Amino acid sequence: MKKLLLFVFISLVISSFSERQIKWTAIGDSITYLNEHPDETGNRITKGYMTGVVEKLPKISYNNKGFNGWTASRSFGKFNRHCST
């Protein structure tokens, strides 16, 4: 029993030091959308702000929920309907 408790304790201590990946969902309009589509800007941009963030903070990844043609004010209302399908 003591060995089991020691094993559990050591496992908890080791796992508490493991680095966690943070997932970020970017909800937005065309500015958010264009992060993955620089060709649609005539290659005027080389990378979007989300790419810049994950380059500087590698423990963060993102899910892009930006929609081209949506305004910022329309994004919130449409996002819920679009993503639930």
C-alpha atoms as a PDB file:
ATOM      1  CA  MET A   1       0.000   0.000   0.000  1.00  0.00           C
ATOM      2  CA  LYS A   2       2.844   2.398   0.825  1.00  0.00           C
ATOM      3  CA  LYS A   3       4.466   1.674  -2.540  1.00  0.00           C
ATOM      4  CA  LEU A   4       1.183   2.425  -4.315  1.00  0.00           C
ATOM      5  CA  LEU A   5       0.760   5.721  -2.474  1.00  0.00           C
ATOM      6  CA  LEU A   6       4.360   6.655  -3.208  1.00  0.00           C
ATOM      7  CA  PHE A   7       3.857   5.813  -6.887  1.00  0.00           C
ATOM      8  CA  VAL A   8       0.677   7.927  -7.045  1.00  0.00           C
ATOM      9  CA  PHE A   9       2.400  10.818  -5.292  1.00  0.00           C
ATOM     10  CA  ILE A  10       5.422  10.714  -7.599  1.00  0.00           C
ATOM     11  CA  SER A  11       3.153  10.477 -10.653  1.00  0.00           C
ATOM     12  CA  LEU A  12       1.186  13.527  -9.531  1.00  0.00           C
ATOM     13  CA  VAL A  13       4.346  15.521  -8.895  1.00  0.00           C
ATOM     14  CA  ILE A  14       5.820  14.638 -12.284  1.00  0.00           C
ATOM     15  CA  SER A  15       2.614  15.368 -14.166  1.00  0.00           C
ATOM     16  CA  SER A  16       2.221  18.743 -12.460  1.00  0.00           C
ATOM     17  CA  PHE A  17       5.469  19.874 -14.105  1.00  0.00           C
ATOM     18  CA  SER A  18       4.441  18.908 -17.617  1.00  0.00           C
ATOM     19  CA  GLU A  19       3.801  21.877 -19.866  1.00  0.00           C
ATOM     20  CA  ARG A  20       0.250  22.397 -21.020  1.00  0.00           C
ATOM     21  CA  GLN A  21      -0.799  23.391 -24.494  1.00  0.00           C
ATOM     22  CA  ILE A  22      -3.200  26.328 -24.590  1.00  0.00           C
ATOM     23  CA  LYS A  23      -5.813  26.375 -27.361  1.00  0.00           C
ATOM     24  CA  TRP A  24      -7.071  29.782 -28.453  1.00  0.00           C
ATOM     25  CA  THR A  25     -10.146  30.263 -30.646  1.00  0.00           C
ATOM     26  CA  ALA A  26      -9.994  33.453 -32.661  1.00  0.00           C
ATOM     27  CA  ILE A  27     -13.495  34.615 -33.566  1.00  0.00           C
ATOM     28  CA  GLY A  28     -13.715  37.436 -36.020  1.00  0.00           C
ATOM     29  CA  ASP A  29     -14.211  38.999 -39.379  1.00  0.00           C
ATOM     30  CA  SER A  30     -12.102  39.131 -42.524  1.00  0.00           C
ATOM     31  CA  ILE A  31      -8.985  40.295 -40.662  1.00  0.00           C
ATOM     32  CA  THR A  32      -9.063  37.083 -38.649  1.00  0.00           C
ATOM     33  CA  TYR A  33      -9.945  34.981 -41.694  1.00  0.00           C
ATOM     34  CA  LEU A  34      -7.058  36.329 -43.776  1.00  0.00           C
ATOM     35  CA  ASN A  35      -4.483  34.917 -41.342  1.00  0.00           C
ATOM     36  CA  GLU A  36      -4.578  31.634 -43.325  1.00  0.00           C
ATOM     37  CA  HIS A  37      -5.326  33.205 -46.710  1.00  0.00           C
ATOM     38  CA  PRO A  38      -2.599  35.745 -47.577  1.00  0.00           C
ATOM     39  CA  ASP A  39      -3.103  34.929 -51.268  1.00  0.00           C
ATOM     40  CA  GLU A  40      -6.528  36.567 -51.066  1.00  0.00           C
ATOM     41  CA  THR A  41      -4.851  39.868 -50.222  1.00  0.00           C
ATOM     42  CA  GLY A  42      -2.610  39.723 -53.273  1.00  0.00           C
ATOM     43  CA  ASN A  43       0.121  38.593 -50.864  1.00  0.00           C
ATOM     44  CA  ARG A  44       0.265  42.059 -49.288  1.00  0.00           C
ATOM     45  CA  ILE A  45       0.638  40.334 -45.930  1.00  0.00           C
ATOM     46  CA  THR A  46       3.074  37.547 -45.144  1.00  0.00           C
ATOM     47  CA  LYS A  47       1.418  36.382 -41.941  1.00  0.00           C
ATOM     48  CA  GLY A  48      -1.458  37.338 -39.715  1.00  0.00           C
ATOM     49  CA  TYR A  49      -1.496  38.339 -36.082  1.00  0.00           C
ATOM     50  CA  MET A  50      -2.418  34.838 -34.888  1.00  0.00           C
ATOM     51  CA  THR A  51       0.621  33.360 -36.615  1.00  0.00           C
ATOM     52  CA  GLY A  52       2.774  36.037 -34.995  1.00  0.00           C
ATOM     53  CA  VAL A  53       1.411  35.188 -31.553  1.00  0.00           C
ATOM     54  CA  VAL A  54       2.076  31.451 -31.833  1.00  0.00           C
ATOM     55  CA  GLU A  55       5.572  32.101 -33.169  1.00  0.00           C
ATOM     56  CA  LYS A  56       6.381  34.077 -30.031  1.00  0.00           C
ATOM     57  CA  LEU A  57       4.423  31.802 -27.663  1.00  0.00           C
ATOM     58  CA  PRO A  58       4.890  28.228 -28.955  1.00  0.00           C
ATOM     59  CA  LYS A  59       2.792  26.664 -26.181  1.00  0.00           C
ATOM     60  CA  ILE A  60      -0.262  28.339 -27.690  1.00  0.00           C
ATOM     61  CA  SER A  61      -2.151  27.034 -30.703  1.00  0.00           C
ATOM     62  CA  TYR A  62      -5.225  28.506 -32.290  1.00  0.00           C
ATOM     63  CA  ASN A  63      -8.420  27.634 -34.074  1.00  0.00           C
ATOM     64  CA  ASN A  64      -9.337  30.273 -36.660  1.00  0.00           C
ATOM     65  CA  LYS A  65     -13.041  31.083 -36.780  1.00  0.00           C
ATOM     66  CA  GLY A  66     -12.769  34.208 -38.870  1.00  0.00           C
ATOM     67  CA  PHE A  67     -15.155  34.597 -41.787  1.00  0.00           C
ATOM     68  CA  ASN A  68     -14.399  36.665 -44.850  1.00  0.00           C
ATOM     69  CA  GLY A  69     -17.065  39.236 -45.631  1.00  0.00           C
ATOM     70  CA  TRP A  70     -18.422  39.364 -42.096  1.00  0.00           C
ATOM     71  CA  THR A  71     -18.163  42.554 -40.119  1.00  0.00           C
ATOM     72  CA  ALA A  72     -17.066  42.418 -36.513  1.00  0.00           C
ATOM     73  CA  SER A  73     -20.601  43.195 -35.355  1.00  0.00           C
ATOM     74  CA  ARG A  74     -22.085  40.342 -37.428  1.00  0.00           C
ATOM     75  CA  SER A  75     -19.450  37.811 -36.366  1.00  0.00           C
ATOM     76  CA  PHE A  76     -20.822  37.084 -32.928  1.00  0.00           C
ATOM     77  CA  GLY A  77     -24.395  36.383 -33.999  1.00  0.00           C
ATOM     78  CA  LYS A  78     -23.441  34.305 -37.026  1.00  0.00           C
ATOM     79  CA  PHE A  79     -20.613  32.424 -35.316  1.00  0.00           C
ATOM     80  CA  ASN A  80     -22.936  30.541 -33.014  1.00  0.00           C
ATOM     81  CA  ARG A  81     -25.223  29.409 -35.853  1.00  0.00           C
ATOM     82  CA  HIS A  82     -22.383  28.605 -38.255  1.00  0.00           C
ATOM     83  CA  CYS A  83     -20.330  26.526 -35.816  1.00  0.00           C
ATOM     84  CA  SER A  84     -23.215  24.525 -34.407  1.00  0.00           C
ATOM     85  CA  THR A  85     -23.874  22.858 -37.788  1.00  0.00           C
END
